[in-house]
Amino acid sequence: MGYKVAVVGATGNVGREILQILAEREFPADEVVALASQRSIGQEVSFGEDAILTIQNLEGFDFKGYDIALFSPGAQVSAIHAPRAAAAGCVVIDNTSHFRMDPDIPLVVPEVNGAAIADYKKRNIIANPNCSTIQMVMALKPLHDAAT
């Protein structure tokens, strides 16, 4: 049995890349839905080599029944809709800056602080550091481990 996944910000560069990676890595999804703002409704985005997804409106989307919501729409949009998805039962992984400094939301790089993911249950949201930070902490972690 696969997951039901919502990709929020699916028309942006990061959203399109998320869809591509889900397809390439054969993520076990029974259903993937592409969400974006009202101005993008009806546009199509690629999902892997053969599939096309039609953009649906984020504004009125019902996240109930979805397992995972991958957010990359911009911080202001995440601030409004990520808590809504989390309240509906989705595990939200947010790639924007909005939740990065929130003490109730884990900021996780699995290879560095993977155990912190357990704290997601407080709000059902996991924050993703920015790409520069991820690269830096991946290099610093082995140095830290060697020094302790």
C-alpha atoms as a PDB file:
ATOM      1  CA  MET A   1       0.000   0.000   0.000  1.00  0.00           C
ATOM      2  CA  GLY A   2       1.415   3.362  -1.017  1.00  0.00           C
ATOM      3  CA  TYR A   3       1.078   6.867   0.294  1.00  0.00           C
ATOM      4  CA  LYS A   4      -1.205   9.677  -0.792  1.00  0.00           C
ATOM      5  CA  VAL A   5       1.083  12.649  -1.414  1.00  0.00           C
ATOM      6  CA  ALA A   6       0.325  16.323  -2.035  1.00  0.00           C
ATOM      7  CA  VAL A   7       3.023  18.503  -3.596  1.00  0.00           C
ATOM      8  CA  VAL A   8       2.354  22.158  -2.797  1.00  0.00           C
ATOM      9  CA  GLY A   9       4.023  24.707  -5.047  1.00  0.00           C
ATOM     10  CA  ALA A  10       4.126  22.174  -7.879  1.00  0.00           C
ATOM     11  CA  THR A  11       4.527  24.768 -10.647  1.00  0.00           C
ATOM     12  CA  GLY A  12       7.714  26.264  -9.186  1.00  0.00           C
ATOM     13  CA  ASN A  13      11.217  24.995  -9.887  1.00  0.00           C
ATOM     14  CA  VAL A  14      11.504  23.194  -6.547  1.00  0.00           C
ATOM     15  CA  GLY A  15       8.003  21.740  -6.795  1.00  0.00           C
ATOM     16  CA  ARG A  16       8.722  20.375 -10.268  1.00  0.00           C
ATOM     17  CA  GLU A  17      11.966  18.859  -9.003  1.00  0.00           C
ATOM     18  CA  ILE A  18      10.139  17.237  -6.072  1.00  0.00           C
ATOM     19  CA  LEU A  19       7.731  15.611  -8.533  1.00  0.00           C
ATOM     20  CA  GLN A  20      10.624  14.442 -10.701  1.00  0.00           C
ATOM     21  CA  ILE A  21      12.481  12.905  -7.754  1.00  0.00           C
ATOM     22  CA  LEU A  22       9.363  11.158  -6.436  1.00  0.00           C
ATOM     23  CA  ALA A  23       8.933   9.555  -9.859  1.00  0.00           C
ATOM     24  CA  GLU A  24      12.619   8.751 -10.469  1.00  0.00           C
ATOM     25  CA  ARG A  25      13.071   7.141  -7.079  1.00  0.00           C
ATOM     26  CA  GLU A  26       9.776   5.276  -7.424  1.00  0.00           C
ATOM     27  CA  PHE A  27       8.470   6.627  -4.140  1.00  0.00           C
ATOM     28  CA  PRO A  28       5.670   4.289  -3.019  1.00  0.00           C
ATOM     29  CA  ALA A  29       2.754   6.598  -3.758  1.00  0.00           C
ATOM     30  CA  ASP A  30      -0.687   5.406  -4.757  1.00  0.00           C
ATOM     31  CA  GLU A  31      -1.715   8.974  -5.484  1.00  0.00           C
ATOM     32  CA  VAL A  32       0.183  12.214  -6.087  1.00  0.00           C
ATOM     33  CA  VAL A  33      -1.638  15.524  -6.400  1.00  0.00           C
ATOM     34  CA  ALA A  34      -0.040  18.743  -7.659  1.00  0.00           C
ATOM     35  CA  LEU A  35      -1.226  21.920  -5.919  1.00  0.00           C
ATOM     36  CA  ALA A  36      -0.563  25.587  -6.570  1.00  0.00           C
ATOM     37  CA  SER A  37      -2.221  28.987  -6.497  1.00  0.00           C
ATOM     38  CA  GLN A  38      -5.428  29.830  -8.295  1.00  0.00           C
ATOM     39  CA  ARG A  39      -3.563  31.380 -11.232  1.00  0.00           C
ATOM     40  CA  SER A  40      -2.014  27.971 -12.011  1.00  0.00           C
ATOM     41  CA  ILE A  41      -5.201  25.875 -11.902  1.00  0.00           C
ATOM     42  CA  GLY A  42      -5.448  23.649 -14.944  1.00  0.00           C
ATOM     43  CA  GLN A  43      -1.785  23.883 -15.903  1.00  0.00           C
ATOM     44  CA  GLU A  44      -0.007  20.587 -16.351  1.00  0.00           C
ATOM     45  CA  VAL A  45       3.250  19.390 -14.814  1.00  0.00           C
ATOM     46  CA  SER A  46       5.286  16.289 -15.549  1.00  0.00           C
ATOM     47  CA  PHE A  47       5.427  13.443 -13.091  1.00  0.00           C
ATOM     48  CA  GLY A  48       8.247  11.243 -14.276  1.00  0.00           C
ATOM     49  CA  GLU A  49       8.699  10.483 -17.956  1.00  0.00           C
ATOM     50  CA  ASP A  50       5.152   9.505 -18.867  1.00  0.00           C
ATOM     51  CA  ALA A  51       2.648  10.945 -16.408  1.00  0.00           C
ATOM     52  CA  ILE A  52       1.117  14.407 -16.451  1.00  0.00           C
ATOM     53  CA  LEU A  53      -0.590  15.951 -13.424  1.00  0.00           C
ATOM     54  CA  THR A  54      -3.123  18.753 -13.656  1.00  0.00           C
ATOM     55  CA  ILE A  55      -2.644  21.528 -11.114  1.00  0.00           C
ATOM     56  CA  GLN A  56      -5.379  21.809  -8.520  1.00  0.00           C
ATOM     57  CA  ASN A  57      -6.174  24.823  -6.356  1.00  0.00           C
ATOM     58  CA  LEU A  58      -4.368  24.826  -3.024  1.00  0.00           C
ATOM     59  CA  GLU A  59      -6.823  27.297  -1.511  1.00  0.00           C
ATOM     60  CA  GLY A  60      -9.776  24.942  -1.189  1.00  0.00           C
ATOM     61  CA  PHE A  61      -7.943  21.626  -1.217  1.00  0.00           C
ATOM     62  CA  ASP A  62      -9.033  19.104   1.416  1.00  0.00           C
ATOM     63  CA  PHE A  63      -5.919  17.389   2.802  1.00  0.00           C
ATOM     64  CA  LYS A  64      -7.964  14.845   4.754  1.00  0.00           C
ATOM     65  CA  GLY A  65      -6.905  11.351   3.771  1.00  0.00           C
ATOM     66  CA  TYR A  66      -3.499  12.432   2.474  1.00  0.00           C
ATOM     67  CA  ASP A  67      -0.454  11.039   4.249  1.00  0.00           C
ATOM     68  CA  ILE A  68       2.293  13.469   3.268  1.00  0.00           C
ATOM     69  CA  ALA A  69       2.310  17.066   2.052  1.00  0.00           C
ATOM     70  CA  LEU A  70       5.563  18.378   0.591  1.00  0.00           C
ATOM     71  CA  PHE A  71       5.516  22.181   0.745  1.00  0.00           C
ATOM     72  CA  SER A  72       7.631  24.524  -1.354  1.00  0.00           C
ATOM     73  CA  PRO A  73       5.314  27.393  -2.281  1.00  0.00           C
ATOM     74  CA  GLY A  74       6.968  30.278  -0.421  1.00  0.00           C
ATOM     75  CA  ALA A  75       6.945  31.127   3.278  1.00  0.00           C
ATOM     76  CA  GLN A  76       3.714  33.139   3.349  1.00  0.00           C
ATOM     77  CA  VAL A  77       1.741  30.375   1.654  1.00  0.00           C
ATOM     78  CA  SER A  78       3.239  27.726   3.948  1.00  0.00           C
ATOM     79  CA  ALA A  79       2.324  29.837   6.980  1.00  0.00           C
ATOM     80  CA  ILE A  80      -1.340  29.593   6.007  1.00  0.00           C
ATOM     81  CA  HIS A  81      -1.689  26.162   4.429  1.00  0.00           C
ATOM     82  CA  ALA A  82       0.899  23.913   6.134  1.00  0.00           C
ATOM     83  CA  PRO A  83      -0.916  24.074   9.509  1.00  0.00           C
ATOM     84  CA  ARG A  84      -4.167  23.356   7.681  1.00  0.00           C
ATOM     85  CA  ALA A  85      -2.662  20.244   6.065  1.00  0.00           C
ATOM     86  CA  ALA A  86      -1.138  19.161   9.384  1.00  0.00           C
ATOM     87  CA  ALA A  87      -4.481  19.565  11.166  1.00  0.00           C
ATOM     88  CA  ALA A  88      -6.072  17.323   8.523  1.00  0.00           C
ATOM     89  CA  GLY A  89      -3.602  14.562   9.413  1.00  0.00           C
ATOM     90  CA  CYS A  90      -0.862  15.050   6.811  1.00  0.00           C
ATOM     91  CA  VAL A  91       2.754  14.903   7.814  1.00  0.00           C
ATOM     92  CA  VAL A  92       4.013  18.182   6.378  1.00  0.00           C
ATOM     93  CA  ILE A  93       7.599  18.556   5.200  1.00  0.00           C
ATOM     94  CA  ASP A  94       8.138  22.253   4.602  1.00  0.00           C
ATOM     95  CA  ASN A  95      10.943  23.503   2.396  1.00  0.00           C
ATOM     96  CA  THR A  96      10.310  27.209   3.040  1.00  0.00           C
ATOM     97  CA  SER A  97      11.879  29.425   5.686  1.00  0.00           C
ATOM     98  CA  HIS A  98       8.656  29.922   7.643  1.00  0.00           C
ATOM     99  CA  PHE A  99       9.007  27.165  10.266  1.00  0.00           C
ATOM    100  CA  ARG A 100      12.803  26.931  10.501  1.00  0.00           C
ATOM    101  CA  MET A 101      13.112  28.860  13.758  1.00  0.00           C
ATOM    102  CA  ASP A 102       9.961  27.508  15.423  1.00  0.00           C
ATOM    103  CA  PRO A 103      11.015  25.618  18.591  1.00  0.00           C
ATOM    104  CA  ASP A 104       8.049  23.229  18.284  1.00  0.00           C
ATOM    105  CA  ILE A 105       8.970  22.128  14.770  1.00  0.00           C
ATOM    106  CA  PRO A 106      12.042  19.967  14.154  1.00  0.00           C
ATOM    107  CA  LEU A 107      14.597  21.251  11.657  1.00  0.00           C
ATOM    108  CA  VAL A 108      15.945  17.987  10.282  1.00  0.00           C
ATOM    109  CA  VAL A 109      18.902  16.845   8.213  1.00  0.00           C
ATOM    110  CA  PRO A 110      18.546  13.047   8.554  1.00  0.00           C
ATOM    111  CA  GLU A 111      22.283  12.302   8.350  1.00  0.00           C
ATOM    112  CA  VAL A 112      23.020  14.861  11.068  1.00  0.00           C
ATOM    113  CA  ASN A 113      20.114  14.927  13.525  1.00  0.00           C
ATOM    114  CA  GLY A 114      17.743  12.251  12.282  1.00  0.00           C
ATOM    115  CA  ALA A 115      16.460  11.493  15.784  1.00  0.00           C
ATOM    116  CA  ALA A 116      14.949  14.999  15.918  1.00  0.00           C
ATOM    117  CA  ILE A 117      12.253  13.835  13.535  1.00  0.00           C
ATOM    118  CA  ALA A 118      10.412  12.278  16.482  1.00  0.00           C
ATOM    119  CA  ASP A 119       9.398  15.791  17.544  1.00  0.00           C
ATOM    120  CA  TYR A 120       7.251  16.319  14.439  1.00  0.00           C
ATOM    121  CA  LYS A 121       4.221  14.955  16.272  1.00  0.00           C
ATOM    122  CA  LYS A 122       3.878  18.195  18.261  1.00  0.00           C
ATOM    123  CA  ARG A 123       2.575  20.022  15.176  1.00  0.00           C
ATOM    124  CA  ASN A 124       2.762  17.378  12.393  1.00  0.00           C
ATOM    125  CA  ILE A 125       5.306  19.546  10.566  1.00  0.00           C
ATOM    126  CA  ILE A 126       8.979  18.975   9.761  1.00  0.00           C
ATOM    127  CA  ALA A 127      11.102  21.920   8.606  1.00  0.00           C
ATOM    128  CA  ASN A 128      13.815  21.568   6.015  1.00  0.00           C
ATOM    129  CA  PRO A 129      16.938  23.750   6.343  1.00  0.00           C
ATOM    130  CA  ASN A 130      18.038  25.749   3.324  1.00  0.00           C
ATOM    131  CA  CYS A 131      20.342  24.076   0.835  1.00  0.00           C
ATOM    132  CA  SER A 132      23.509  25.906   1.956  1.00  0.00           C
ATOM    133  CA  THR A 133      22.954  24.901   5.569  1.00  0.00           C
ATOM    134  CA  ILE A 134      22.426  21.266   4.636  1.00  0.00           C
ATOM    135  CA  GLN A 135      25.732  21.160   2.742  1.00  0.00           C
ATOM    136  CA  MET A 136      27.591  22.824   5.603  1.00  0.00           C
ATOM    137  CA  VAL A 137      26.260  20.603   8.391  1.00  0.00           C
ATOM    138  CA  MET A 138      26.902  17.481   6.312  1.00  0.00           C
ATOM    139  CA  ALA A 139      30.574  18.491   6.213  1.00  0.00           C
ATOM    140  CA  LEU A 140      30.698  19.553   9.870  1.00  0.00           C
ATOM    141  CA  LYS A 141      29.039  16.436  11.321  1.00  0.00           C
ATOM    142  CA  PRO A 142      32.007  14.065  10.754  1.00  0.00           C
ATOM    143  CA  LEU A 143      34.376  16.706  12.134  1.00  0.00           C
ATOM    144  CA  HIS A 144      32.200  17.072  15.217  1.00  0.00           C
ATOM    145  CA  ASP A 145      31.991  13.299  15.659  1.00  0.00           C
ATOM    146  CA  ALA A 146      35.772  12.948  15.365  1.00  0.00           C
ATOM    147  CA  ALA A 147      36.337  15.658  17.978  1.00  0.00           C
ATOM    148  CA  THR A 148      33.983  14.172  20.575  1.00  0.00           C
END
